[in-house]
Amino acid sequence: MSNVFLKEENIETSPPFVGKIIIKFISKKKIKKVSIFDLADTFKNDPWFSVTHLYMGIIFLYTLGLIEFKEPYIELNA
């Protein structure tokens, strides 16, 4: 399981880093919401991608209040 404060972990798979990638993707498209499936499809070939890393990044953003879930979409709180 990913840990935000584990120093042996690869920084590119940490929840804050993955969360940044998700926010950057949504902001770049200039949309307020994106499907979870679209995120997985977009990032599936990236070297950092695994379902667990994507999941932990989404949970990290939700915990900070930056996104909301409206199944099956993720909406930015901005």
PDB file of N, CA and C in Angstrom:
ATOM      1  N   MET A   1       0.836  -1.174   0.000  1.00  0.00           N
ATOM      2  CA  MET A   1       0.000   0.000   0.000  1.00  0.00           C
ATOM      3  C   MET A   1       0.882   1.240   0.000  1.00  0.00           C
ATOM      4  N   SER A   2       0.423   2.236  -0.681  1.00  0.00           N
ATOM      5  CA  SER A   2       1.181   3.467  -0.800  1.00  0.00           C
ATOM      6  C   SER A   2       1.126   4.257   0.510  1.00  0.00           C
ATOM      7  N   ASN A   3       2.195   4.937   0.813  1.00  0.00           N
ATOM      8  CA  ASN A   3       2.269   5.735   2.018  1.00  0.00           C
ATOM      9  C   ASN A   3       2.835   7.096   1.649  1.00  0.00           C
ATOM     10  N   VAL A   4       2.151   8.159   2.034  1.00  0.00           N
ATOM     11  CA  VAL A   4       2.556   9.505   1.662  1.00  0.00           C
ATOM     12  C   VAL A   4       3.925   9.858   2.235  1.00  0.00           C
ATOM     13  N   PHE A   5       4.267   9.335   3.394  1.00  0.00           N
ATOM     14  CA  PHE A   5       5.481   9.743   4.082  1.00  0.00           C
ATOM     15  C   PHE A   5       6.598   8.706   4.076  1.00  0.00           C
ATOM     16  N   LEU A   6       6.474   7.674   3.276  1.00  0.00           N
ATOM     17  CA  LEU A   6       7.500   6.642   3.208  1.00  0.00           C
ATOM     18  C   LEU A   6       8.645   7.123   2.322  1.00  0.00           C
ATOM     19  N   LYS A   7       9.858   7.212   2.852  1.00  0.00           N
ATOM     20  CA  LYS A   7      10.951   7.766   2.066  1.00  0.00           C
ATOM     21  C   LYS A   7      11.569   6.781   1.086  1.00  0.00           C
ATOM     22  N   GLU A   8      11.312   5.483   1.232  1.00  0.00           N
ATOM     23  CA  GLU A   8      11.839   4.506   0.288  1.00  0.00           C
ATOM     24  C   GLU A   8      10.968   4.360  -0.962  1.00  0.00           C
ATOM     25  N   GLU A   9       9.786   4.951  -0.939  1.00  0.00           N
ATOM     26  CA  GLU A   9       8.848   4.830  -2.051  1.00  0.00           C
ATOM     27  C   GLU A   9       9.282   5.693  -3.233  1.00  0.00           C
ATOM     28  N   ASN A  10       9.013   5.199  -4.427  1.00  0.00           N
ATOM     29  CA  ASN A  10       9.263   5.968  -5.639  1.00  0.00           C
ATOM     30  C   ASN A  10       8.342   7.192  -5.629  1.00  0.00           C
ATOM     31  N   ILE A  11       8.903   8.371  -5.705  1.00  0.00           N
ATOM     32  CA  ILE A  11       8.125   9.610  -5.622  1.00  0.00           C
ATOM     33  C   ILE A  11       7.093   9.705  -6.741  1.00  0.00           C
ATOM     34  N   GLU A  12       7.388   9.118  -7.888  1.00  0.00           N
ATOM     35  CA  GLU A  12       6.478   9.212  -9.029  1.00  0.00           C
ATOM     36  C   GLU A  12       5.240   8.333  -8.899  1.00  0.00           C
ATOM     37  N   THR A  13       5.186   7.499  -7.872  1.00  0.00           N
ATOM     38  CA  THR A  13       3.991   6.689  -7.642  1.00  0.00           C
ATOM     39  C   THR A  13       3.300   7.075  -6.338  1.00  0.00           C
ATOM     40  N   SER A  14       3.771   8.131  -5.683  1.00  0.00           N
ATOM     41  CA  SER A  14       3.157   8.559  -4.433  1.00  0.00           C
ATOM     42  C   SER A  14       1.829   9.257  -4.711  1.00  0.00           C
ATOM     43  N   PRO A  15       0.874   9.170  -3.784  1.00  0.00           N
ATOM     44  CA  PRO A  15      -0.435   9.792  -3.987  1.00  0.00           C
ATOM     45  C   PRO A  15      -0.394  11.292  -4.314  1.00  0.00           C
ATOM     46  N   PRO A  16       0.461  12.099  -3.661  1.00  0.00           N
ATOM     47  CA  PRO A  16       0.493  13.518  -4.041  1.00  0.00           C
ATOM     48  C   PRO A  16       0.944  13.739  -5.485  1.00  0.00           C
ATOM     49  N   PHE A  17       1.922  12.982  -5.934  1.00  0.00           N
ATOM     50  CA  PHE A  17       2.426  13.129  -7.295  1.00  0.00           C
ATOM     51  C   PHE A  17       1.371  12.697  -8.314  1.00  0.00           C
ATOM     52  N   VAL A  18       0.731  11.558  -8.066  1.00  0.00           N
ATOM     53  CA  VAL A  18      -0.327  11.074  -8.961  1.00  0.00           C
ATOM     54  C   VAL A  18      -1.510  12.042  -8.939  1.00  0.00           C
ATOM     55  N   GLY A  19      -1.832  12.574  -7.773  1.00  0.00           N
ATOM     56  CA  GLY A  19      -2.902  13.568  -7.674  1.00  0.00           C
ATOM     57  C   GLY A  19      -2.604  14.803  -8.509  1.00  0.00           C
ATOM     58  N   LYS A  20      -1.350  15.222  -8.489  1.00  0.00           N
ATOM     59  CA  LYS A  20      -0.941  16.371  -9.309  1.00  0.00           C
ATOM     60  C   LYS A  20      -1.147  16.080 -10.790  1.00  0.00           C
ATOM     61  N   ILE A  21      -0.807  14.874 -11.210  1.00  0.00           N
ATOM     62  CA  ILE A  21      -0.985  14.484 -12.607  1.00  0.00           C
ATOM     63  C   ILE A  21      -2.469  14.501 -12.985  1.00  0.00           C
ATOM     64  N   ILE A  22      -3.310  14.016 -12.092  1.00  0.00           N
ATOM     65  CA  ILE A  22      -4.756  13.996 -12.351  1.00  0.00           C
ATOM     66  C   ILE A  22      -5.303  15.413 -12.469  1.00  0.00           C
ATOM     67  N   ILE A  23      -4.960  16.282 -11.521  1.00  0.00           N
ATOM     68  CA  ILE A  23      -5.430  17.682 -11.551  1.00  0.00           C
ATOM     69  C   ILE A  23      -4.925  18.376 -12.811  1.00  0.00           C
ATOM     70  N   LYS A  24      -3.675  18.147 -13.155  1.00  0.00           N
ATOM     71  CA  LYS A  24      -3.085  18.754 -14.357  1.00  0.00           C
ATOM     72  C   LYS A  24      -3.845  18.312 -15.614  1.00  0.00           C
ATOM     73  N   PHE A  25      -4.183  17.023 -15.692  1.00  0.00           N
ATOM     74  CA  PHE A  25      -4.921  16.493 -16.834  1.00  0.00           C
ATOM     75  C   PHE A  25      -6.295  17.143 -16.954  1.00  0.00           C
ATOM     76  N   ILE A  26      -7.012  17.226 -15.839  1.00  0.00           N
ATOM     77  CA  ILE A  26      -8.358  17.812 -15.870  1.00  0.00           C
ATOM     78  C   ILE A  26      -8.284  19.297 -16.204  1.00  0.00           C
ATOM     79  N   SER A  27      -7.330  20.003 -15.626  1.00  0.00           N
ATOM     80  CA  SER A  27      -7.173  21.444 -15.882  1.00  0.00           C
ATOM     81  C   SER A  27      -6.784  21.721 -17.323  1.00  0.00           C
ATOM     82  N   LYS A  28      -5.927  20.870 -17.877  1.00  0.00           N
ATOM     83  CA  LYS A  28      -5.467  21.050 -19.246  1.00  0.00           C
ATOM     84  C   LYS A  28      -6.614  20.896 -20.243  1.00  0.00           C
ATOM     85  N   LYS A  29      -7.545  19.994 -19.941  1.00  0.00           N
ATOM     86  CA  LYS A  29      -8.693  19.782 -20.817  1.00  0.00           C
ATOM     87  C   LYS A  29      -9.752  20.879 -20.642  1.00  0.00           C
ATOM     88  N   LYS A  30      -9.589  21.715 -19.609  1.00  0.00           N
ATOM     89  CA  LYS A  30     -10.514  22.813 -19.314  1.00  0.00           C
ATOM     90  C   LYS A  30     -11.947  22.314 -19.143  1.00  0.00           C
ATOM     91  N   ILE A  31     -12.075  21.248 -18.366  1.00  0.00           N
ATOM     92  CA  ILE A  31     -13.376  20.693 -18.042  1.00  0.00           C
ATOM     93  C   ILE A  31     -13.518  20.627 -16.533  1.00  0.00           C
ATOM     94  N   LYS A  32     -14.737  20.514 -16.042  1.00  0.00           N
ATOM     95  CA  LYS A  32     -14.968  20.431 -14.604  1.00  0.00           C
ATOM     96  C   LYS A  32     -15.062  18.997 -14.113  1.00  0.00           C
ATOM     97  N   LYS A  33     -15.405  18.056 -15.012  1.00  0.00           N
ATOM     98  CA  LYS A  33     -15.517  16.676 -14.569  1.00  0.00           C
ATOM     99  C   LYS A  33     -14.976  15.728 -15.633  1.00  0.00           C
ATOM    100  N   VAL A  34     -14.531  14.570 -15.150  1.00  0.00           N
ATOM    101  CA  VAL A  34     -13.968  13.555 -16.036  1.00  0.00           C
ATOM    102  C   VAL A  34     -14.375  12.186 -15.499  1.00  0.00           C
ATOM    103  N   SER A  35     -14.581  11.255 -16.384  1.00  0.00           N
ATOM    104  CA  SER A  35     -14.936   9.894 -16.006  1.00  0.00           C
ATOM    105  C   SER A  35     -13.714   9.180 -15.437  1.00  0.00           C
ATOM    106  N   ILE A  36     -13.938   8.376 -14.426  1.00  0.00           N
ATOM    107  CA  ILE A  36     -12.867   7.570 -13.846  1.00  0.00           C
ATOM    108  C   ILE A  36     -12.276   6.654 -14.917  1.00  0.00           C
ATOM    109  N   PHE A  37     -13.139   6.156 -15.796  1.00  0.00           N
ATOM    110  CA  PHE A  37     -12.690   5.259 -16.864  1.00  0.00           C
ATOM    111  C   PHE A  37     -11.808   5.992 -17.879  1.00  0.00           C
ATOM    112  N   ASP A  38     -12.132   7.253 -18.145  1.00  0.00           N
ATOM    113  CA  ASP A  38     -11.294   8.057 -19.044  1.00  0.00           C
ATOM    114  C   ASP A  38      -9.910   8.279 -18.446  1.00  0.00           C
ATOM    115  N   LEU A  39      -9.864   8.512 -17.138  1.00  0.00           N
ATOM    116  CA  LEU A  39      -8.564   8.677 -16.473  1.00  0.00           C
ATOM    117  C   LEU A  39      -7.724   7.411 -16.617  1.00  0.00           C
ATOM    118  N   ALA A  40      -8.327   6.269 -16.329  1.00  0.00           N
ATOM    119  CA  ALA A  40      -7.592   5.008 -16.421  1.00  0.00           C
ATOM    120  C   ALA A  40      -7.136   4.755 -17.853  1.00  0.00           C
ATOM    121  N   ASP A  41      -7.998   5.040 -18.808  1.00  0.00           N
ATOM    122  CA  ASP A  41      -7.641   4.821 -20.213  1.00  0.00           C
ATOM    123  C   ASP A  41      -6.525   5.763 -20.659  1.00  0.00           C
ATOM    124  N   THR A  42      -6.549   6.996 -20.182  1.00  0.00           N
ATOM    125  CA  THR A  42      -5.534   7.983 -20.550  1.00  0.00           C
ATOM    126  C   THR A  42      -4.158   7.624 -19.998  1.00  0.00           C
ATOM    127  N   PHE A  43      -4.126   7.167 -18.767  1.00  0.00           N
ATOM    128  CA  PHE A  43      -2.848   6.944 -18.088  1.00  0.00           C
ATOM    129  C   PHE A  43      -2.348   5.506 -18.133  1.00  0.00           C
ATOM    130  N   LYS A  44      -3.084   4.584 -18.743  1.00  0.00           N
ATOM    131  CA  LYS A  44      -2.719   3.167 -18.669  1.00  0.00           C
ATOM    132  C   LYS A  44      -1.344   2.828 -19.245  1.00  0.00           C
ATOM    133  N   ASN A  45      -0.812   3.656 -20.124  1.00  0.00           N
ATOM    134  CA  ASN A  45       0.506   3.384 -20.699  1.00  0.00           C
ATOM    135  C   ASN A  45       1.634   4.170 -20.037  1.00  0.00           C
ATOM    136  N   ASP A  46       1.306   5.002 -19.054  1.00  0.00           N
ATOM    137  CA  ASP A  46       2.337   5.754 -18.340  1.00  0.00           C
ATOM    138  C   ASP A  46       3.116   4.823 -17.405  1.00  0.00           C
ATOM    139  N   PRO A  47       4.407   5.091 -17.208  1.00  0.00           N
ATOM    140  CA  PRO A  47       5.228   4.186 -16.387  1.00  0.00           C
ATOM    141  C   PRO A  47       4.780   4.102 -14.921  1.00  0.00           C
ATOM    142  N   TRP A  48       4.153   5.130 -14.389  1.00  0.00           N
ATOM    143  CA  TRP A  48       3.730   5.126 -12.995  1.00  0.00           C
ATOM    144  C   TRP A  48       2.412   4.403 -12.779  1.00  0.00           C
ATOM    145  N   PHE A  49       1.674   4.138 -13.852  1.00  0.00           N
ATOM    146  CA  PHE A  49       0.286   3.709 -13.722  1.00  0.00           C
ATOM    147  C   PHE A  49       0.128   2.295 -13.173  1.00  0.00           C
ATOM    148  N   SER A  50      -0.736   2.200 -12.221  1.00  0.00           N
ATOM    149  CA  SER A  50      -1.364   0.958 -11.769  1.00  0.00           C
ATOM    150  C   SER A  50      -2.695   1.398 -11.170  1.00  0.00           C
ATOM    151  N   VAL A  51      -3.629   0.498 -11.098  1.00  0.00           N
ATOM    152  CA  VAL A  51      -4.937   0.852 -10.561  1.00  0.00           C
ATOM    153  C   VAL A  51      -4.797   1.342  -9.121  1.00  0.00           C
ATOM    154  N   THR A  52      -3.911   0.729  -8.366  1.00  0.00           N
ATOM    155  CA  THR A  52      -3.699   1.136  -6.975  1.00  0.00           C
ATOM    156  C   THR A  52      -3.172   2.561  -6.880  1.00  0.00           C
ATOM    157  N   HIS A  53      -2.203   2.911  -7.724  1.00  0.00           N
ATOM    158  CA  HIS A  53      -1.662   4.269  -7.690  1.00  0.00           C
ATOM    159  C   HIS A  53      -2.727   5.289  -8.085  1.00  0.00           C
ATOM    160  N   LEU A  54      -3.513   4.978  -9.096  1.00  0.00           N
ATOM    161  CA  LEU A  54      -4.589   5.882  -9.514  1.00  0.00           C
ATOM    162  C   LEU A  54      -5.609   6.043  -8.384  1.00  0.00           C
ATOM    163  N   TYR A  55      -5.986   4.943  -7.789  1.00  0.00           N
ATOM    164  CA  TYR A  55      -6.938   4.940  -6.678  1.00  0.00           C
ATOM    165  C   TYR A  55      -6.419   5.781  -5.507  1.00  0.00           C
ATOM    166  N   MET A  56      -5.171   5.579  -5.135  1.00  0.00           N
ATOM    167  CA  MET A  56      -4.609   6.329  -4.004  1.00  0.00           C
ATOM    168  C   MET A  56      -4.492   7.821  -4.323  1.00  0.00           C
ATOM    169  N   GLY A  57      -4.173   8.167  -5.578  1.00  0.00           N
ATOM    170  CA  GLY A  57      -4.129   9.571  -5.983  1.00  0.00           C
ATOM    171  C   GLY A  57      -5.491  10.225  -5.900  1.00  0.00           C
ATOM    172  N   ILE A  58      -6.530   9.507  -6.327  1.00  0.00           N
ATOM    173  CA  ILE A  58      -7.898  10.026  -6.258  1.00  0.00           C
ATOM    174  C   ILE A  58      -8.332  10.204  -4.808  1.00  0.00           C
ATOM    175  N   ILE A  59      -8.041   9.216  -3.967  1.00  0.00           N
ATOM    176  CA  ILE A  59      -8.381   9.313  -2.541  1.00  0.00           C
ATOM    177  C   ILE A  59      -7.648  10.490  -1.895  1.00  0.00           C
ATOM    178  N   PHE A  60      -6.396  10.694  -2.257  1.00  0.00           N
ATOM    179  CA  PHE A  60      -5.621  11.822  -1.735  1.00  0.00           C
ATOM    180  C   PHE A  60      -6.301  13.151  -2.085  1.00  0.00           C
ATOM    181  N   LEU A  61      -6.705  13.310  -3.343  1.00  0.00           N
ATOM    182  CA  LEU A  61      -7.369  14.545  -3.774  1.00  0.00           C
ATOM    183  C   LEU A  61      -8.717  14.728  -3.079  1.00  0.00           C
ATOM    184  N   TYR A  62      -9.444  13.640  -2.888  1.00  0.00           N
ATOM    185  CA  TYR A  62     -10.738  13.706  -2.213  1.00  0.00           C
ATOM    186  C   TYR A  62     -10.555  14.117  -0.741  1.00  0.00           C
ATOM    187  N   THR A  63      -9.534  13.560  -0.111  1.00  0.00           N
ATOM    188  CA  THR A  63      -9.252  13.881   1.288  1.00  0.00           C
ATOM    189  C   THR A  63      -8.935  15.369   1.468  1.00  0.00           C
ATOM    190  N   LEU A  64      -8.256  15.953   0.484  1.00  0.00           N
ATOM    191  CA  LEU A  64      -7.929  17.377   0.544  1.00  0.00           C
ATOM    192  C   LEU A  64      -9.106  18.273   0.152  1.00  0.00           C
ATOM    193  N   GLY A  65     -10.181  17.666  -0.342  1.00  0.00           N
ATOM    194  CA  GLY A  65     -11.347  18.443  -0.746  1.00  0.00           C
ATOM    195  C   GLY A  65     -11.217  19.071  -2.125  1.00  0.00           C
ATOM    196  N   LEU A  66     -10.286  18.584  -2.921  1.00  0.00           N
ATOM    197  CA  LEU A  66     -10.070  19.150  -4.254  1.00  0.00           C
ATOM    198  C   LEU A  66     -10.996  18.552  -5.308  1.00  0.00           C
ATOM    199  N   ILE A  67     -11.526  17.350  -5.029  1.00  0.00           N
ATOM    200  CA  ILE A  67     -12.446  16.710  -5.967  1.00  0.00           C
ATOM    201  C   ILE A  67     -13.643  16.146  -5.215  1.00  0.00           C
ATOM    202  N   GLU A  68     -14.700  15.869  -5.962  1.00  0.00           N
ATOM    203  CA  GLU A  68     -15.893  15.191  -5.450  1.00  0.00           C
ATOM    204  C   GLU A  68     -16.205  14.033  -6.377  1.00  0.00           C
ATOM    205  N   PHE A  69     -16.848  13.009  -5.843  1.00  0.00           N
ATOM    206  CA  PHE A  69     -17.286  11.887  -6.657  1.00  0.00           C
ATOM    207  C   PHE A  69     -18.753  12.049  -7.012  1.00  0.00           C
ATOM    208  N   LYS A  70     -19.057  11.988  -8.273  1.00  0.00           N
ATOM    209  CA  LYS A  70     -20.429  11.930  -8.770  1.00  0.00           C
ATOM    210  C   LYS A  70     -20.424  10.808  -9.792  1.00  0.00           C
ATOM    211  N   GLU A  71     -20.598   9.592  -9.302  1.00  0.00           N
ATOM    212  CA  GLU A  71     -20.384   8.380 -10.091  1.00  0.00           C
ATOM    213  C   GLU A  71     -20.888   8.475 -11.508  1.00  0.00           C
ATOM    214  N   PRO A  72     -20.129   8.069 -12.492  1.00  0.00           N
ATOM    215  CA  PRO A  72     -18.748   7.600 -12.475  1.00  0.00           C
ATOM    216  C   PRO A  72     -17.759   8.729 -12.721  1.00  0.00           C
ATOM    217  N   TYR A  73     -18.130   9.939 -12.345  1.00  0.00           N
ATOM    218  CA  TYR A  73     -17.292  11.102 -12.645  1.00  0.00           C
ATOM    219  C   TYR A  73     -16.555  11.616 -11.409  1.00  0.00           C
ATOM    220  N   ILE A  74     -15.464  12.283 -11.684  1.00  0.00           N
ATOM    221  CA  ILE A  74     -14.731  13.035 -10.681  1.00  0.00           C
ATOM    222  C   ILE A  74     -14.878  14.490 -11.065  1.00  0.00           C
ATOM    223  N   GLU A  75     -15.334  15.309 -10.131  1.00  0.00           N
ATOM    224  CA  GLU A  75     -15.513  16.744 -10.401  1.00  0.00           C
ATOM    225  C   GLU A  75     -14.547  17.563  -9.571  1.00  0.00           C
ATOM    226  N   LEU A  76     -13.983  18.580 -10.185  1.00  0.00           N
ATOM    227  CA  LEU A  76     -13.091  19.492  -9.474  1.00  0.00           C
ATOM    228  C   LEU A  76     -13.899  20.421  -8.576  1.00  0.00           C
ATOM    229  N   ASN A  77     -13.404  20.657  -7.393  1.00  0.00           N
ATOM    230  CA  ASN A  77     -13.976  21.649  -6.477  1.00  0.00           C
ATOM    231  C   ASN A  77     -13.159  22.923  -6.572  1.00  0.00           C
ATOM    232  N   ALA A  78     -13.432  23.726  -7.525  1.00  0.00           N
ATOM    233  CA  ALA A  78     -12.653  24.953  -7.657  1.00  0.00           C
ATOM    234  C   ALA A  78     -13.574  26.038  -7.886  1.00  0.00           C
TER     235      ALA A  78
END
